Amino acid sequence: MHPNESFDEAYRKFKKQVDRNLVVTEVRARRFFEPQTEIRKKQKISARKKMLKRLYMLRRYESKL
């Protein structure tokens, strides 16, 4: 915090830094115990999303050829 910086400006900078570092997201994710089945389910969903995204990008690339 700079000497002539108001509290609101310092708070705004702090919030921006916290958002950039994903602190709040991490805390929310760790707030409650998550069973192993839920973790696997989320991993499966994210893997499927990633695969579909790659497939979409590949098809998009091929259509330009």
N, C-alpha and C. Protein backbone atom coordinates (compact mmCIF):
# COMPACT_ATOMS: atom_id res chain seq x y z
N MET A 1 0.85 -1.18 0.00
CA MET A 1 0.00 0.00 0.00
C MET A 1 0.89 1.24 0.00
N HIS A 2 0.58 2.16 -0.90
CA HIS A 2 1.33 3.41 -0.99
C HIS A 2 0.85 4.38 0.07
N PRO A 3 1.73 5.30 0.51
CA PRO A 3 1.35 6.23 1.59
C PRO A 3 0.12 7.09 1.28
N ASN A 4 -0.02 7.61 0.06
CA ASN A 4 -1.16 8.47 -0.23
C ASN A 4 -2.26 7.74 -1.00
N GLU A 5 -2.33 6.43 -0.85
CA GLU A 5 -3.36 5.64 -1.52
C GLU A 5 -4.54 5.46 -0.55
N SER A 6 -5.74 5.66 -1.07
CA SER A 6 -6.91 5.51 -0.19
C SER A 6 -7.18 4.03 0.08
N PHE A 7 -7.98 3.80 1.10
CA PHE A 7 -8.31 2.42 1.47
C PHE A 7 -9.05 1.72 0.33
N ASP A 8 -9.98 2.45 -0.33
CA ASP A 8 -10.75 1.85 -1.42
C ASP A 8 -9.85 1.40 -2.56
N GLU A 9 -8.85 2.22 -2.91
CA GLU A 9 -7.94 1.84 -3.99
C GLU A 9 -7.11 0.62 -3.60
N ALA A 10 -6.64 0.60 -2.36
CA ALA A 10 -5.84 -0.55 -1.89
C ALA A 10 -6.70 -1.80 -1.87
N TYR A 11 -7.94 -1.67 -1.41
CA TYR A 11 -8.85 -2.82 -1.36
C TYR A 11 -9.15 -3.34 -2.75
N ARG A 12 -9.35 -2.43 -3.70
CA ARG A 12 -9.62 -2.81 -5.10
C ARG A 12 -8.43 -3.58 -5.66
N LYS A 13 -7.20 -3.11 -5.39
CA LYS A 13 -6.00 -3.79 -5.87
C LYS A 13 -5.89 -5.18 -5.25
N PHE A 14 -6.19 -5.25 -3.94
CA PHE A 14 -6.13 -6.54 -3.24
C PHE A 14 -7.12 -7.53 -3.84
N LYS A 15 -8.36 -7.09 -4.09
CA LYS A 15 -9.38 -7.97 -4.67
C LYS A 15 -8.95 -8.46 -6.05
N LYS A 16 -8.38 -7.58 -6.85
CA LYS A 16 -7.94 -7.95 -8.18
C LYS A 16 -6.83 -9.00 -8.11
N GLN A 17 -5.91 -8.81 -7.16
CA GLN A 17 -4.81 -9.76 -6.99
C GLN A 17 -5.32 -11.12 -6.52
N VAL A 18 -6.28 -11.12 -5.62
CA VAL A 18 -6.87 -12.36 -5.12
C VAL A 18 -7.58 -13.09 -6.27
N ASP A 19 -8.32 -12.34 -7.09
CA ASP A 19 -9.01 -12.95 -8.23
C ASP A 19 -8.02 -13.54 -9.22
N ARG A 20 -6.94 -12.83 -9.47
CA ARG A 20 -5.93 -13.30 -10.41
C ARG A 20 -5.29 -14.60 -9.94
N ASN A 21 -5.10 -14.74 -8.64
CA ASN A 21 -4.46 -15.93 -8.09
C ASN A 21 -5.44 -17.06 -7.78
N LEU A 22 -6.71 -16.88 -8.07
CA LEU A 22 -7.75 -17.88 -7.88
C LEU A 22 -7.85 -18.38 -6.43
N VAL A 23 -7.59 -17.49 -5.48
CA VAL A 23 -7.63 -17.86 -4.07
C VAL A 23 -9.04 -18.23 -3.65
N VAL A 24 -10.01 -17.41 -4.01
CA VAL A 24 -11.40 -17.65 -3.60
C VAL A 24 -11.92 -18.95 -4.20
N THR A 25 -11.61 -19.18 -5.46
CA THR A 25 -12.05 -20.41 -6.12
C THR A 25 -11.47 -21.63 -5.41
N GLU A 26 -10.20 -21.54 -5.06
CA GLU A 26 -9.54 -22.65 -4.36
C GLU A 26 -10.18 -22.91 -3.00
N VAL A 27 -10.48 -21.85 -2.28
CA VAL A 27 -11.08 -21.99 -0.95
C VAL A 27 -12.46 -22.61 -1.07
N ARG A 28 -13.25 -22.16 -2.03
CA ARG A 28 -14.59 -22.73 -2.21
C ARG A 28 -14.51 -24.20 -2.57
N ALA A 29 -13.53 -24.56 -3.38
CA ALA A 29 -13.38 -25.96 -3.78
C ALA A 29 -13.00 -26.83 -2.60
N ARG A 30 -12.24 -26.28 -1.66
CA ARG A 30 -11.75 -27.06 -0.52
C ARG A 30 -12.63 -26.94 0.72
N ARG A 31 -13.72 -26.16 0.63
CA ARG A 31 -14.54 -25.89 1.80
C ARG A 31 -15.14 -27.16 2.40
N PHE A 32 -15.66 -28.04 1.56
CA PHE A 32 -16.32 -29.25 2.04
C PHE A 32 -15.56 -30.48 1.57
N PHE A 33 -15.68 -31.54 2.35
CA PHE A 33 -15.04 -32.80 1.98
C PHE A 33 -15.70 -33.34 0.72
N GLU A 34 -14.87 -33.79 -0.20
CA GLU A 34 -15.37 -34.32 -1.45
C GLU A 34 -14.98 -35.79 -1.55
N PRO A 35 -15.96 -36.68 -1.65
CA PRO A 35 -15.63 -38.11 -1.75
C PRO A 35 -14.87 -38.41 -3.04
N GLN A 36 -14.13 -39.49 -3.03
CA GLN A 36 -13.33 -39.90 -4.18
C GLN A 36 -14.19 -40.08 -5.43
N THR A 37 -15.43 -40.56 -5.24
CA THR A 37 -16.31 -40.77 -6.40
C THR A 37 -16.62 -39.44 -7.09
N GLU A 38 -16.83 -38.39 -6.28
CA GLU A 38 -17.11 -37.06 -6.86
C GLU A 38 -15.90 -36.54 -7.61
N ILE A 39 -14.73 -36.76 -7.06
CA ILE A 39 -13.49 -36.30 -7.71
C ILE A 39 -13.33 -37.00 -9.05
N ARG A 40 -13.54 -38.33 -9.06
CA ARG A 40 -13.42 -39.08 -10.32
C ARG A 40 -14.45 -38.62 -11.33
N LYS A 41 -15.67 -38.34 -10.85
CA LYS A 41 -16.74 -37.89 -11.73
C LYS A 41 -16.35 -36.56 -12.40
N LYS A 42 -15.82 -35.63 -11.61
CA LYS A 42 -15.39 -34.34 -12.16
C LYS A 42 -14.25 -34.50 -13.16
N GLN A 43 -13.31 -35.40 -12.84
CA GLN A 43 -12.20 -35.65 -13.75
C GLN A 43 -12.69 -36.23 -15.07
N LYS A 44 -13.67 -37.13 -14.99
CA LYS A 44 -14.24 -37.74 -16.18
C LYS A 44 -14.92 -36.68 -17.06
N ILE A 45 -15.68 -35.79 -16.41
CA ILE A 45 -16.37 -34.72 -17.13
C ILE A 45 -15.37 -33.80 -17.79
N SER A 46 -14.32 -33.41 -17.05
CA SER A 46 -13.34 -32.49 -17.63
C SER A 46 -12.57 -33.16 -18.76
N ALA A 47 -12.28 -34.44 -18.64
CA ALA A 47 -11.59 -35.16 -19.71
C ALA A 47 -12.45 -35.19 -20.97
N ARG A 48 -13.75 -35.41 -20.80
CA ARG A 48 -14.67 -35.44 -21.93
C ARG A 48 -14.74 -34.07 -22.60
N LYS A 49 -14.82 -33.01 -21.79
CA LYS A 49 -14.85 -31.64 -22.34
C LYS A 49 -13.59 -31.34 -23.12
N LYS A 50 -12.44 -31.75 -22.56
CA LYS A 50 -11.17 -31.51 -23.23
C LYS A 50 -11.11 -32.24 -24.57
N MET A 51 -11.59 -33.51 -24.58
CA MET A 51 -11.57 -34.30 -25.80
C MET A 51 -12.48 -33.67 -26.86
N LEU A 52 -13.68 -33.24 -26.44
CA LEU A 52 -14.61 -32.63 -27.39
C LEU A 52 -14.05 -31.32 -27.94
N LYS A 53 -13.35 -30.56 -27.11
CA LYS A 53 -12.75 -29.32 -27.56
C LYS A 53 -11.68 -29.60 -28.61
N ARG A 54 -10.83 -30.62 -28.34
CA ARG A 54 -9.80 -30.99 -29.32
C ARG A 54 -10.42 -31.44 -30.63
N LEU A 55 -11.49 -32.23 -30.54
CA LEU A 55 -12.17 -32.72 -31.73
C LEU A 55 -12.75 -31.55 -32.52
N TYR A 56 -13.36 -30.60 -31.82
CA TYR A 56 -13.92 -29.42 -32.46
C TYR A 56 -12.82 -28.63 -33.18
N MET A 57 -11.70 -28.43 -32.50
CA MET A 57 -10.61 -27.66 -33.09
C MET A 57 -10.04 -28.40 -34.31
N LEU A 58 -9.92 -29.72 -34.21
CA LEU A 58 -9.40 -30.51 -35.32
C LEU A 58 -10.32 -30.42 -36.54
N ARG A 59 -11.62 -30.56 -36.31
CA ARG A 59 -12.59 -30.47 -37.41
C ARG A 59 -12.58 -29.07 -38.02
N ARG A 60 -12.44 -28.08 -37.18
CA ARG A 60 -12.40 -26.69 -37.64
C ARG A 60 -11.14 -26.48 -38.52
N TYR A 61 -10.03 -27.05 -38.08
CA TYR A 61 -8.78 -26.94 -38.82
C TYR A 61 -8.90 -27.68 -40.15
N GLU A 62 -9.49 -28.88 -40.15
CA GLU A 62 -9.61 -29.67 -41.37
C GLU A 62 -10.52 -29.01 -42.38
N SER A 63 -11.54 -28.30 -41.92
CA SER A 63 -12.48 -27.68 -42.85
C SER A 63 -11.81 -26.52 -43.62
N LYS A 64 -10.75 -25.98 -43.06
CA LYS A 64 -10.04 -24.88 -43.73
C LYS A 64 -9.07 -25.38 -44.80
N LEU A 65 -8.78 -26.70 -44.77
CA LEU A 65 -7.83 -27.25 -45.76
C LEU A 65 -8.46 -27.45 -47.10
